[in-house]
Amino acid sequence: MDQIEGTDVYKLKVTLKSGDTRYYYMDTDSYVPIKYETKRIIRGTPQESETTLGDYKQVGGWFLPFSLETRQKGSSGSQKITFDKIEFNVPIDSTRYSRPKPPTGGGSL
């Protein structure tokens, strides 16, 4: 148990095969993650980041965050991503996955 901005949360520690560690902070009422912290080694140097998730909306029976804000620990800057719309199982035209045709014309090298 822990608290994030006055909200009671479950704090879960996950260690990946790579040795990277993640801490997930799950809301005790809705069980959605409201924050996670990542500790990893990049080129021998420990790197820590934290991501805050918010603006949850129900989509296709799931509660999904429409807002994510990530920052490196010790840095004043952050990156924020906001989604306007999330959809499941939207049909996609199969031509999007076909190989483009080679250009025509008399070009030479």
PDB file of N, CA and C in Angstrom:
ATOM      1  N   MET A   1       0.846  -1.192   0.000  1.00  0.00           N
ATOM      2  CA  MET A   1       0.000   0.000   0.000  1.00  0.00           C
ATOM      3  C   MET A   1       0.885   1.247   0.000  1.00  0.00           C
ATOM      4  N   ASP A   2       0.374   2.284  -0.661  1.00  0.00           N
ATOM      5  CA  ASP A   2       1.078   3.562  -0.737  1.00  0.00           C
ATOM      6  C   ASP A   2       0.021   4.616  -1.043  1.00  0.00           C
ATOM      7  N   GLN A   3       0.477   5.863  -1.237  1.00  0.00           N
ATOM      8  CA  GLN A   3      -0.416   6.940  -1.650  1.00  0.00           C
ATOM      9  C   GLN A   3       0.234   7.727  -2.771  1.00  0.00           C
ATOM     10  N   ILE A   4      -0.571   8.090  -3.760  1.00  0.00           N
ATOM     11  CA  ILE A   4      -0.151   8.970  -4.846  1.00  0.00           C
ATOM     12  C   ILE A   4      -1.116  10.140  -4.863  1.00  0.00           C
ATOM     13  N   GLU A   5      -0.614  11.327  -4.593  1.00  0.00           N
ATOM     14  CA  GLU A   5      -1.426  12.551  -4.580  1.00  0.00           C
ATOM     15  C   GLU A   5      -2.715  12.366  -3.782  1.00  0.00           C
ATOM     16  N   GLY A   6      -2.619  11.752  -2.609  1.00  0.00           N
ATOM     17  CA  GLY A   6      -3.755  11.585  -1.726  1.00  0.00           C
ATOM     18  C   GLY A   6      -4.651  10.398  -2.041  1.00  0.00           C
ATOM     19  N   THR A   7      -4.314   9.644  -3.089  1.00  0.00           N
ATOM     20  CA  THR A   7      -5.113   8.478  -3.466  1.00  0.00           C
ATOM     21  C   THR A   7      -4.434   7.212  -2.962  1.00  0.00           C
ATOM     22  N   ASP A   8      -5.196   6.345  -2.287  1.00  0.00           N
ATOM     23  CA  ASP A   8      -4.657   5.065  -1.850  1.00  0.00           C
ATOM     24  C   ASP A   8      -4.400   4.188  -3.069  1.00  0.00           C
ATOM     25  N   VAL A   9      -3.228   3.560  -3.091  1.00  0.00           N
ATOM     26  CA  VAL A   9      -2.849   2.708  -4.214  1.00  0.00           C
ATOM     27  C   VAL A   9      -2.183   1.435  -3.710  1.00  0.00           C
ATOM     28  N   TYR A  10      -2.277   0.398  -4.544  1.00  0.00           N
ATOM     29  CA  TYR A  10      -1.478  -0.799  -4.340  1.00  0.00           C
ATOM     30  C   TYR A  10      -0.182  -0.585  -5.100  1.00  0.00           C
ATOM     31  N   LYS A  11       0.945  -0.861  -4.482  1.00  0.00           N
ATOM     32  CA  LYS A  11       2.246  -0.711  -5.130  1.00  0.00           C
ATOM     33  C   LYS A  11       2.757  -2.103  -5.476  1.00  0.00           C
ATOM     34  N   LEU A  12       2.923  -2.366  -6.772  1.00  0.00           N
ATOM     35  CA  LEU A  12       3.376  -3.666  -7.250  1.00  0.00           C
ATOM     36  C   LEU A  12       4.760  -3.539  -7.870  1.00  0.00           C
ATOM     37  N   LYS A  13       5.658  -4.412  -7.486  1.00  0.00           N
ATOM     38  CA  LYS A  13       7.002  -4.423  -8.054  1.00  0.00           C
ATOM     39  C   LYS A  13       7.081  -5.569  -9.062  1.00  0.00           C
ATOM     40  N   VAL A  14       7.529  -5.254 -10.286  1.00  0.00           N
ATOM     41  CA  VAL A  14       7.697  -6.252 -11.339  1.00  0.00           C
ATOM     42  C   VAL A  14       9.138  -6.200 -11.804  1.00  0.00           C
ATOM     43  N   THR A  15       9.819  -7.347 -11.782  1.00  0.00           N
ATOM     44  CA  THR A  15      11.191  -7.432 -12.281  1.00  0.00           C
ATOM     45  C   THR A  15      11.181  -8.269 -13.557  1.00  0.00           C
ATOM     46  N   LEU A  16      11.647  -7.689 -14.644  1.00  0.00           N
ATOM     47  CA  LEU A  16      11.672  -8.368 -15.935  1.00  0.00           C
ATOM     48  C   LEU A  16      12.922  -9.239 -16.063  1.00  0.00           C
ATOM     49  N   LYS A  17      12.916 -10.164 -17.032  1.00  0.00           N
ATOM     50  CA  LYS A  17      14.075 -11.025 -17.269  1.00  0.00           C
ATOM     51  C   LYS A  17      15.340 -10.204 -17.515  1.00  0.00           C
ATOM     52  N   SER A  18      15.186  -9.046 -18.144  1.00  0.00           N
ATOM     53  CA  SER A  18      16.324  -8.180 -18.457  1.00  0.00           C
ATOM     54  C   SER A  18      16.952  -7.573 -17.205  1.00  0.00           C
ATOM     55  N   GLY A  19      16.246  -7.658 -16.082  1.00  0.00           N
ATOM     56  CA  GLY A  19      16.710  -7.033 -14.847  1.00  0.00           C
ATOM     57  C   GLY A  19      16.067  -5.677 -14.611  1.00  0.00           C
ATOM     58  N   ASP A  20      15.389  -5.136 -15.638  1.00  0.00           N
ATOM     59  CA  ASP A  20      14.673  -3.875 -15.461  1.00  0.00           C
ATOM     60  C   ASP A  20      13.586  -4.070 -14.406  1.00  0.00           C
ATOM     61  N   THR A  21      13.347  -3.013 -13.637  1.00  0.00           N
ATOM     62  CA  THR A  21      12.343  -3.069 -12.572  1.00  0.00           C
ATOM     63  C   THR A  21      11.272  -2.033 -12.851  1.00  0.00           C
ATOM     64  N   ARG A  22      10.026  -2.406 -12.615  1.00  0.00           N
ATOM     65  CA  ARG A  22       8.903  -1.477 -12.741  1.00  0.00           C
ATOM     66  C   ARG A  22       8.076  -1.529 -11.464  1.00  0.00           C
ATOM     67  N   TYR A  23       7.620  -0.361 -11.052  1.00  0.00           N
ATOM     68  CA  TYR A  23       6.698  -0.252  -9.922  1.00  0.00           C
ATOM     69  C   TYR A  23       5.387   0.298 -10.478  1.00  0.00           C
ATOM     70  N   TYR A  24       4.312  -0.442 -10.288  1.00  0.00           N
ATOM     71  CA  TYR A  24       2.994  -0.010 -10.722  1.00  0.00           C
ATOM     72  C   TYR A  24       2.199   0.422  -9.507  1.00  0.00           C
ATOM     73  N   TYR A  25       1.516   1.557  -9.621  1.00  0.00           N
ATOM     74  CA  TYR A  25       0.666   2.087  -8.567  1.00  0.00           C
ATOM     75  C   TYR A  25      -0.775   1.984  -9.056  1.00  0.00           C
ATOM     76  N   MET A  26      -1.527   1.035  -8.466  1.00  0.00           N
ATOM     77  CA  MET A  26      -2.878   0.721  -8.913  1.00  0.00           C
ATOM     78  C   MET A  26      -3.900   1.318  -7.942  1.00  0.00           C
ATOM     79  N   ASP A  27      -4.874   2.036  -8.487  1.00  0.00           N
ATOM     80  CA  ASP A  27      -5.947   2.609  -7.679  1.00  0.00           C
ATOM     81  C   ASP A  27      -6.674   1.490  -6.931  1.00  0.00           C
ATOM     82  N   THR A  28      -6.894   1.672  -5.636  1.00  0.00           N
ATOM     83  CA  THR A  28      -7.505   0.618  -4.819  1.00  0.00           C
ATOM     84  C   THR A  28      -8.992   0.446  -5.091  1.00  0.00           C
ATOM     85  N   ASP A  29      -9.647   1.440  -5.687  1.00  0.00           N
ATOM     86  CA  ASP A  29     -11.078   1.318  -5.989  1.00  0.00           C
ATOM     87  C   ASP A  29     -11.322   0.705  -7.367  1.00  0.00           C
ATOM     88  N   SER A  30     -10.603   1.202  -8.381  1.00  0.00           N
ATOM     89  CA  SER A  30     -10.871   0.776  -9.760  1.00  0.00           C
ATOM     90  C   SER A  30      -9.836  -0.218 -10.293  1.00  0.00           C
ATOM     91  N   TYR A  31      -8.712  -0.362  -9.583  1.00  0.00           N
ATOM     92  CA  TYR A  31      -7.622  -1.265  -9.974  1.00  0.00           C
ATOM     93  C   TYR A  31      -6.932  -0.862 -11.285  1.00  0.00           C
ATOM     94  N   VAL A  32      -7.112   0.367 -11.728  1.00  0.00           N
ATOM     95  CA  VAL A  32      -6.388   0.830 -12.915  1.00  0.00           C
ATOM     96  C   VAL A  32      -5.062   1.438 -12.469  1.00  0.00           C
ATOM     97  N   PRO A  33      -4.019   1.311 -13.290  1.00  0.00           N
ATOM     98  CA  PRO A  33      -2.746   1.934 -12.924  1.00  0.00           C
ATOM     99  C   PRO A  33      -2.843   3.455 -13.085  1.00  0.00           C
ATOM    100  N   ILE A  34      -2.391   4.176 -12.068  1.00  0.00           N
ATOM    101  CA  ILE A  34      -2.398   5.633 -12.185  1.00  0.00           C
ATOM    102  C   ILE A  34      -0.982   6.174 -12.362  1.00  0.00           C
ATOM    103  N   LYS A  35       0.009   5.302 -12.136  1.00  0.00           N
ATOM    104  CA  LYS A  35       1.399   5.717 -12.303  1.00  0.00           C
ATOM    105  C   LYS A  35       2.258   4.467 -12.358  1.00  0.00           C
ATOM    106  N   TYR A  36       3.369   4.555 -13.127  1.00  0.00           N
ATOM    107  CA  TYR A  36       4.372   3.506 -13.026  1.00  0.00           C
ATOM    108  C   TYR A  36       5.752   4.113 -13.171  1.00  0.00           C
ATOM    109  N   GLU A  37       6.693   3.504 -12.475  1.00  0.00           N
ATOM    110  CA  GLU A  37       8.083   3.943 -12.487  1.00  0.00           C
ATOM    111  C   GLU A  37       8.924   2.821 -13.077  1.00  0.00           C
ATOM    112  N   THR A  38       9.895   3.198 -13.900  1.00  0.00           N
ATOM    113  CA  THR A  38      10.767   2.226 -14.545  1.00  0.00           C
ATOM    114  C   THR A  38      12.208   2.508 -14.156  1.00  0.00           C
ATOM    115  N   LYS A  39      12.921   1.450 -13.762  1.00  0.00           N
ATOM    116  CA  LYS A  39      14.361   1.553 -13.490  1.00  0.00           C
ATOM    117  C   LYS A  39      15.043   0.567 -14.417  1.00  0.00           C
ATOM    118  N   ARG A  40      15.939   1.089 -15.286  1.00  0.00           N
ATOM    119  CA  ARG A  40      16.632   0.227 -16.224  1.00  0.00           C
ATOM    120  C   ARG A  40      18.066   0.678 -16.411  1.00  0.00           C
ATOM    121  N   ILE A  41      18.877  -0.203 -16.934  1.00  0.00           N
ATOM    122  CA  ILE A  41      20.283   0.100 -17.198  1.00  0.00           C
ATOM    123  C   ILE A  41      20.442   0.292 -18.699  1.00  0.00           C
ATOM    124  N   ILE A  42      20.900   1.467 -19.095  1.00  0.00           N
ATOM    125  CA  ILE A  42      21.146   1.760 -20.504  1.00  0.00           C
ATOM    126  C   ILE A  42      22.625   2.078 -20.656  1.00  0.00           C
ATOM    127  N   ARG A  43      23.315   1.236 -21.430  1.00  0.00           N
ATOM    128  CA  ARG A  43      24.768   1.365 -21.630  1.00  0.00           C
ATOM    129  C   ARG A  43      25.508   1.495 -20.310  1.00  0.00           C
ATOM    130  N   GLY A  44      25.100   0.667 -19.338  1.00  0.00           N
ATOM    131  CA  GLY A  44      25.778   0.639 -18.051  1.00  0.00           C
ATOM    132  C   GLY A  44      25.365   1.720 -17.074  1.00  0.00           C
ATOM    133  N   THR A  45      24.463   2.598 -17.473  1.00  0.00           N
ATOM    134  CA  THR A  45      24.048   3.702 -16.612  1.00  0.00           C
ATOM    135  C   THR A  45      22.593   3.511 -16.177  1.00  0.00           C
ATOM    136  N   PRO A  46      22.318   3.571 -14.871  1.00  0.00           N
ATOM    137  CA  PRO A  46      20.924   3.448 -14.416  1.00  0.00           C
ATOM    138  C   PRO A  46      20.086   4.641 -14.890  1.00  0.00           C
ATOM    139  N   GLN A  47      18.902   4.350 -15.422  1.00  0.00           N
ATOM    140  CA  GLN A  47      17.968   5.386 -15.877  1.00  0.00           C
ATOM    141  C   GLN A  47      16.631   5.136 -15.171  1.00  0.00           C
ATOM    142  N   GLU A  48      16.029   6.202 -14.664  1.00  0.00           N
ATOM    143  CA  GLU A  48      14.736   6.089 -14.000  1.00  0.00           C
ATOM    144  C   GLU A  48      13.759   7.053 -14.639  1.00  0.00           C
ATOM    145  N   SER A  49      12.552   6.560 -14.901  1.00  0.00           N
ATOM    146  CA  SER A  49      11.502   7.414 -15.447  1.00  0.00           C
ATOM    147  C   SER A  49      10.200   7.105 -14.727  1.00  0.00           C
ATOM    148  N   GLU A  50       9.265   8.043 -14.814  1.00  0.00           N
ATOM    149  CA  GLU A  50       7.947   7.822 -14.237  1.00  0.00           C
ATOM    150  C   GLU A  50       6.898   8.290 -15.227  1.00  0.00           C
ATOM    151  N   THR A  51       5.832   7.533 -15.313  1.00  0.00           N
ATOM    152  CA  THR A  51       4.729   7.839 -16.218  1.00  0.00           C
ATOM    153  C   THR A  51       3.450   7.914 -15.399  1.00  0.00           C
ATOM    154  N   THR A  52       2.714   9.006 -15.564  1.00  0.00           N
ATOM    155  CA  THR A  52       1.438   9.208 -14.893  1.00  0.00           C
ATOM    156  C   THR A  52       0.333   9.015 -15.928  1.00  0.00           C
ATOM    157  N   LEU A  53      -0.643   8.182 -15.598  1.00  0.00           N
ATOM    158  CA  LEU A  53      -1.759   7.891 -16.491  1.00  0.00           C
ATOM    159  C   LEU A  53      -3.018   8.521 -15.929  1.00  0.00           C
ATOM    160  N   GLY A  54      -3.864   9.052 -16.814  1.00  0.00           N
ATOM    161  CA  GLY A  54      -5.083   9.689 -16.329  1.00  0.00           C
ATOM    162  C   GLY A  54      -6.147   9.802 -17.390  1.00  0.00           C
ATOM    163  N   ASP A  55      -7.186  10.528 -17.077  1.00  0.00           N
ATOM    164  CA  ASP A  55      -8.338  10.750 -17.946  1.00  0.00           C
ATOM    165  C   ASP A  55      -8.877   9.417 -18.484  1.00  0.00           C
ATOM    166  N   TYR A  56      -9.139   8.487 -17.577  1.00  0.00           N
ATOM    167  CA  TYR A  56      -9.638   7.165 -17.970  1.00  0.00           C
ATOM    168  C   TYR A  56     -11.056   7.260 -18.507  1.00  0.00           C
ATOM    169  N   LYS A  57     -11.290   6.535 -19.616  1.00  0.00           N
ATOM    170  CA  LYS A  57     -12.628   6.435 -20.203  1.00  0.00           C
ATOM    171  C   LYS A  57     -12.853   4.979 -20.584  1.00  0.00           C
ATOM    172  N   GLN A  58     -14.127   4.596 -20.593  1.00  0.00           N
ATOM    173  CA  GLN A  58     -14.450   3.226 -20.955  1.00  0.00           C
ATOM    174  C   GLN A  58     -14.546   3.102 -22.470  1.00  0.00           C
ATOM    175  N   VAL A  59     -13.800   2.115 -23.019  1.00  0.00           N
ATOM    176  CA  VAL A  59     -13.798   1.844 -24.451  1.00  0.00           C
ATOM    177  C   VAL A  59     -13.907   0.337 -24.621  1.00  0.00           C
ATOM    178  N   GLY A  60     -14.957  -0.117 -25.280  1.00  0.00           N
ATOM    179  CA  GLY A  60     -15.117  -1.540 -25.529  1.00  0.00           C
ATOM    180  C   GLY A  60     -15.105  -2.389 -24.274  1.00  0.00           C
ATOM    181  N   GLY A  61     -15.624  -1.850 -23.169  1.00  0.00           N
ATOM    182  CA  GLY A  61     -15.673  -2.597 -21.925  1.00  0.00           C
ATOM    183  C   GLY A  61     -14.415  -2.493 -21.083  1.00  0.00           C
ATOM    184  N   TRP A  62     -13.420  -1.751 -21.547  1.00  0.00           N
ATOM    185  CA  TRP A  62     -12.157  -1.574 -20.812  1.00  0.00           C
ATOM    186  C   TRP A  62     -12.012  -0.108 -20.428  1.00  0.00           C
ATOM    187  N   PHE A  63     -11.399   0.149 -19.282  1.00  0.00           N
ATOM    188  CA  PHE A  63     -11.054   1.515 -18.902  1.00  0.00           C
ATOM    189  C   PHE A  63      -9.630   1.771 -19.365  1.00  0.00           C
ATOM    190  N   LEU A  64      -9.459   2.769 -20.224  1.00  0.00           N
ATOM    191  CA  LEU A  64      -8.157   3.078 -20.805  1.00  0.00           C
ATOM    192  C   LEU A  64      -7.769   4.517 -20.514  1.00  0.00           C
ATOM    193  N   PRO A  65      -6.464   4.774 -20.298  1.00  0.00           N
ATOM    194  CA  PRO A  65      -6.022   6.153 -20.055  1.00  0.00           C
ATOM    195  C   PRO A  65      -5.953   6.928 -21.376  1.00  0.00           C
ATOM    196  N   PHE A  66      -6.537   8.096 -21.397  1.00  0.00           N
ATOM    197  CA  PHE A  66      -6.469   8.954 -22.569  1.00  0.00           C
ATOM    198  C   PHE A  66      -5.370  10.000 -22.409  1.00  0.00           C
ATOM    199  N   SER A  67      -4.629   9.944 -21.310  1.00  0.00           N
ATOM    200  CA  SER A  67      -3.552  10.886 -21.043  1.00  0.00           C
ATOM    201  C   SER A  67      -2.387  10.152 -20.383  1.00  0.00           C
ATOM    202  N   LEU A  68      -1.173  10.374 -20.912  1.00  0.00           N
ATOM    203  CA  LEU A  68       0.048   9.810 -20.340  1.00  0.00           C
ATOM    204  C   LEU A  68       1.098  10.909 -20.302  1.00  0.00           C
ATOM    205  N   GLU A  69       1.748  11.050 -19.166  1.00  0.00           N
ATOM    206  CA  GLU A  69       2.827  12.039 -19.042  1.00  0.00           C
ATOM    207  C   GLU A  69       4.052  11.334 -18.475  1.00  0.00           C
ATOM    208  N   THR A  70       5.166  11.427 -19.218  1.00  0.00           N
ATOM    209  CA  THR A  70       6.396  10.738 -18.842  1.00  0.00           C
ATOM    210  C   THR A  70       7.506  11.749 -18.620  1.00  0.00           C
ATOM    211  N   ARG A  71       8.308  11.482 -17.584  1.00  0.00           N
ATOM    212  CA  ARG A  71       9.470  12.331 -17.313  1.00  0.00           C
ATOM    213  C   ARG A  71      10.598  11.464 -16.785  1.00  0.00           C
ATOM    214  N   GLN A  72      11.822  11.866 -17.102  1.00  0.00           N
ATOM    215  CA  GLN A  72      12.992  11.220 -16.519  1.00  0.00           C
ATOM    216  C   GLN A  72      13.155  11.780 -15.115  1.00  0.00           C
ATOM    217  N   LYS A  73      13.438  10.910 -14.155  1.00  0.00           N
ATOM    218  CA  LYS A  73      13.643  11.393 -12.796  1.00  0.00           C
ATOM    219  C   LYS A  73      14.850  12.311 -12.771  1.00  0.00           C
ATOM    220  N   GLY A  74      14.704  13.423 -12.074  1.00  0.00           N
ATOM    221  CA  GLY A  74      15.772  14.402 -11.993  1.00  0.00           C
ATOM    222  C   GLY A  74      15.721  15.439 -13.097  1.00  0.00           C
ATOM    223  N   SER A  75      14.785  15.309 -14.026  1.00  0.00           N
ATOM    224  CA  SER A  75      14.640  16.252 -15.132  1.00  0.00           C
ATOM    225  C   SER A  75      13.387  17.089 -14.913  1.00  0.00           C
ATOM    226  N   SER A  76      13.434  18.344 -15.348  1.00  0.00           N
ATOM    227  CA  SER A  76      12.265  19.206 -15.181  1.00  0.00           C
ATOM    228  C   SER A  76      11.292  19.075 -16.347  1.00  0.00           C
ATOM    229  N   GLY A  77      11.748  18.565 -17.489  1.00  0.00           N
ATOM    230  CA  GLY A  77      10.888  18.438 -18.659  1.00  0.00           C
ATOM    231  C   GLY A  77      10.097  17.142 -18.649  1.00  0.00           C
ATOM    232  N   SER A  78       9.032  17.134 -19.430  1.00  0.00           N
ATOM    233  CA  SER A  78       8.220  15.930 -19.544  1.00  0.00           C
ATOM    234  C   SER A  78       7.628  15.858 -20.946  1.00  0.00           C
ATOM    235  N   GLN A  79       7.106  14.690 -21.266  1.00  0.00           N
ATOM    236  CA  GLN A  79       6.417  14.484 -22.538  1.00  0.00           C
ATOM    237  C   GLN A  79       4.996  14.053 -22.217  1.00  0.00           C
ATOM    238  N   LYS A  80       4.015  14.732 -22.798  1.00  0.00           N
ATOM    239  CA  LYS A  80       2.620  14.385 -22.532  1.00  0.00           C
ATOM    240  C   LYS A  80       1.954  13.956 -23.829  1.00  0.00           C
ATOM    241  N   ILE A  81       1.238  12.850 -23.754  1.00  0.00           N
ATOM    242  CA  ILE A  81       0.483  12.332 -24.894  1.00  0.00           C
ATOM    243  C   ILE A  81      -0.985  12.303 -24.480  1.00  0.00           C
ATOM    244  N   THR A  82      -1.839  12.866 -25.329  1.00  0.00           N
ATOM    245  CA  THR A  82      -3.276  12.873 -25.081  1.00  0.00           C
ATOM    246  C   THR A  82      -3.978  12.278 -26.294  1.00  0.00           C
ATOM    247  N   PHE A  83      -4.846  11.312 -26.049  1.00  0.00           N
ATOM    248  CA  PHE A  83      -5.601  10.676 -27.120  1.00  0.00           C
ATOM    249  C   PHE A  83      -6.985  11.295 -27.200  1.00  0.00           C
ATOM    250  N   ASP A  84      -7.438  11.592 -28.407  1.00  0.00           N
ATOM    251  CA  ASP A  84      -8.789  12.093 -28.617  1.00  0.00           C
ATOM    252  C   ASP A  84      -9.780  10.943 -28.735  1.00  0.00           C
ATOM    253  N   LYS A  85      -9.290   9.817 -29.316  1.00  0.00           N
ATOM    254  CA  LYS A  85     -10.201   8.713 -29.604  1.00  0.00           C
ATOM    255  C   LYS A  85      -9.411   7.409 -29.602  1.00  0.00           C
ATOM    256  N   ILE A  86      -9.964   6.376 -29.008  1.00  0.00           N
ATOM    257  CA  ILE A  86      -9.387   5.035 -29.041  1.00  0.00           C
ATOM    258  C   ILE A  86     -10.495   4.101 -29.497  1.00  0.00           C
ATOM    259  N   GLU A  87     -10.197   3.253 -30.500  1.00  0.00           N
ATOM    260  CA  GLU A  87     -11.180   2.316 -31.032  1.00  0.00           C
ATOM    261  C   GLU A  87     -10.573   0.920 -31.083  1.00  0.00           C
ATOM    262  N   PHE A  88     -11.426  -0.093 -30.955  1.00  0.00           N
ATOM    263  CA  PHE A  88     -11.013  -1.486 -31.062  1.00  0.00           C
ATOM    264  C   PHE A  88     -11.529  -2.086 -32.361  1.00  0.00           C
ATOM    265  N   ASN A  89     -10.754  -2.989 -32.919  1.00  0.00           N
ATOM    266  CA  ASN A  89     -11.173  -3.811 -34.055  1.00  0.00           C
ATOM    267  C   ASN A  89     -11.770  -3.006 -35.200  1.00  0.00           C
ATOM    268  N   VAL A  90     -11.124  -1.917 -35.549  1.00  0.00           N
ATOM    269  CA  VAL A  90     -11.571  -1.087 -36.652  1.00  0.00           C
ATOM    270  C   VAL A  90     -11.110  -1.752 -37.955  1.00  0.00           C
ATOM    271  N   PRO A  91     -12.004  -1.939 -38.934  1.00  0.00           N
ATOM    272  CA  PRO A  91     -11.589  -2.546 -40.196  1.00  0.00           C
ATOM    273  C   PRO A  91     -10.529  -1.682 -40.889  1.00  0.00           C
ATOM    274  N   ILE A  92      -9.506  -2.349 -41.398  1.00  0.00           N
ATOM    275  CA  ILE A  92      -8.440  -1.654 -42.115  1.00  0.00           C
ATOM    276  C   ILE A  92      -8.355  -2.241 -43.514  1.00  0.00           C
ATOM    277  N   ASP A  93      -8.317  -1.389 -44.510  1.00  0.00           N
ATOM    278  CA  ASP A  93      -8.218  -1.817 -45.897  1.00  0.00           C
ATOM    279  C   ASP A  93      -6.931  -2.619 -46.093  1.00  0.00           C
ATOM    280  N   SER A  94      -7.044  -3.818 -46.646  1.00  0.00           N
ATOM    281  CA  SER A  94      -5.879  -4.705 -46.799  1.00  0.00           C
ATOM    282  C   SER A  94      -4.819  -4.128 -47.729  1.00  0.00           C
ATOM    283  N   THR A  95      -5.174  -3.166 -48.568  1.00  0.00           N
ATOM    284  CA  THR A  95      -4.164  -2.569 -49.458  1.00  0.00           C
ATOM    285  C   THR A  95      -3.115  -1.779 -48.684  1.00  0.00           C
ATOM    286  N   ARG A  96      -3.405  -1.437 -47.448  1.00  0.00           N
ATOM    287  CA  ARG A  96      -2.400  -0.735 -46.630  1.00  0.00           C
ATOM    288  C   ARG A  96      -1.205  -1.631 -46.335  1.00  0.00           C
ATOM    289  N   TYR A  97      -1.402  -2.947 -46.488  1.00  0.00           N
ATOM    290  CA  TYR A  97      -0.341  -3.897 -46.180  1.00  0.00           C
ATOM    291  C   TYR A  97       0.308  -4.480 -47.431  1.00  0.00           C
ATOM    292  N   SER A  98      -0.019  -3.969 -48.600  1.00  0.00           N
ATOM    293  CA  SER A  98       0.588  -4.483 -49.823  1.00  0.00           C
ATOM    294  C   SER A  98       1.857  -3.691 -50.140  1.00  0.00           C
ATOM    295  N   ARG A  99       2.753  -4.346 -50.845  1.00  0.00           N
ATOM    296  CA  ARG A  99       4.018  -3.732 -51.230  1.00  0.00           C
ATOM    297  C   ARG A  99       3.772  -2.631 -52.245  1.00  0.00           C
ATOM    298  N   PRO A 100       4.374  -1.471 -52.090  1.00  0.00           N
ATOM    299  CA  PRO A 100       4.173  -0.404 -53.074  1.00  0.00           C
ATOM    300  C   PRO A 100       4.760  -0.807 -54.431  1.00  0.00           C
ATOM    301  N   LYS A 101       4.146  -0.297 -55.481  1.00  0.00           N
ATOM    302  CA  LYS A 101       4.624  -0.586 -56.842  1.00  0.00           C
ATOM    303  C   LYS A 101       5.904   0.216 -57.076  1.00  0.00           C
ATOM    304  N   PRO A 102       6.859  -0.392 -57.815  1.00  0.00           N
ATOM    305  CA  PRO A 102       8.090   0.348 -58.126  1.00  0.00           C
ATOM    306  C   PRO A 102       7.776   1.540 -59.030  1.00  0.00           C
ATOM    307  N   PRO A 103       8.571   2.595 -58.926  1.00  0.00           N
ATOM    308  CA  PRO A 103       8.321   3.758 -59.781  1.00  0.00           C
ATOM    309  C   PRO A 103       8.531   3.400 -61.248  1.00  0.00           C
ATOM    310  N   THR A 104       7.744   4.040 -62.081  1.00  0.00           N
ATOM    311  CA  THR A 104       7.886   3.848 -63.529  1.00  0.00           C
ATOM    312  C   THR A 104       8.670   5.015 -64.087  1.00  0.00           C
ATOM    313  N   GLY A 105       9.288   4.802 -65.195  1.00  0.00           N
ATOM    314  CA  GLY A 105      10.054   5.890 -65.802  1.00  0.00           C
ATOM    315  C   GLY A 105      11.427   5.398 -66.188  1.00  0.00           C
ATOM    316  N   GLY A 106      12.140   6.236 -66.845  1.00  0.00           N
ATOM    317  CA  GLY A 106      13.447   5.853 -67.402  1.00  0.00           C
ATOM    318  C   GLY A 106      14.612   6.338 -66.591  1.00  0.00           C
ATOM    319  N   GLY A 107      14.501   6.300 -65.312  1.00  0.00           N
ATOM    320  CA  GLY A 107      15.624   6.725 -64.480  1.00  0.00           C
ATOM    321  C   GLY A 107      16.760   5.739 -64.533  1.00  0.00           C
ATOM    322  N   SER A 108      17.975   6.207 -64.463  1.00  0.00           N
ATOM    323  CA  SER A 108      19.142   5.314 -64.418  1.00  0.00           C
ATOM    324  C   SER A 108      20.124   5.828 -63.382  1.00  0.00           C
ATOM    325  N   LEU A 109      21.006   4.946 -62.968  1.00  0.00           N
ATOM    326  CA  LEU A 109      21.994   5.317 -61.956  1.00  0.00           C
ATOM    327  C   LEU A 109      23.268   5.742 -62.562  1.00  0.00           C
TER     328      LEU A 109
END
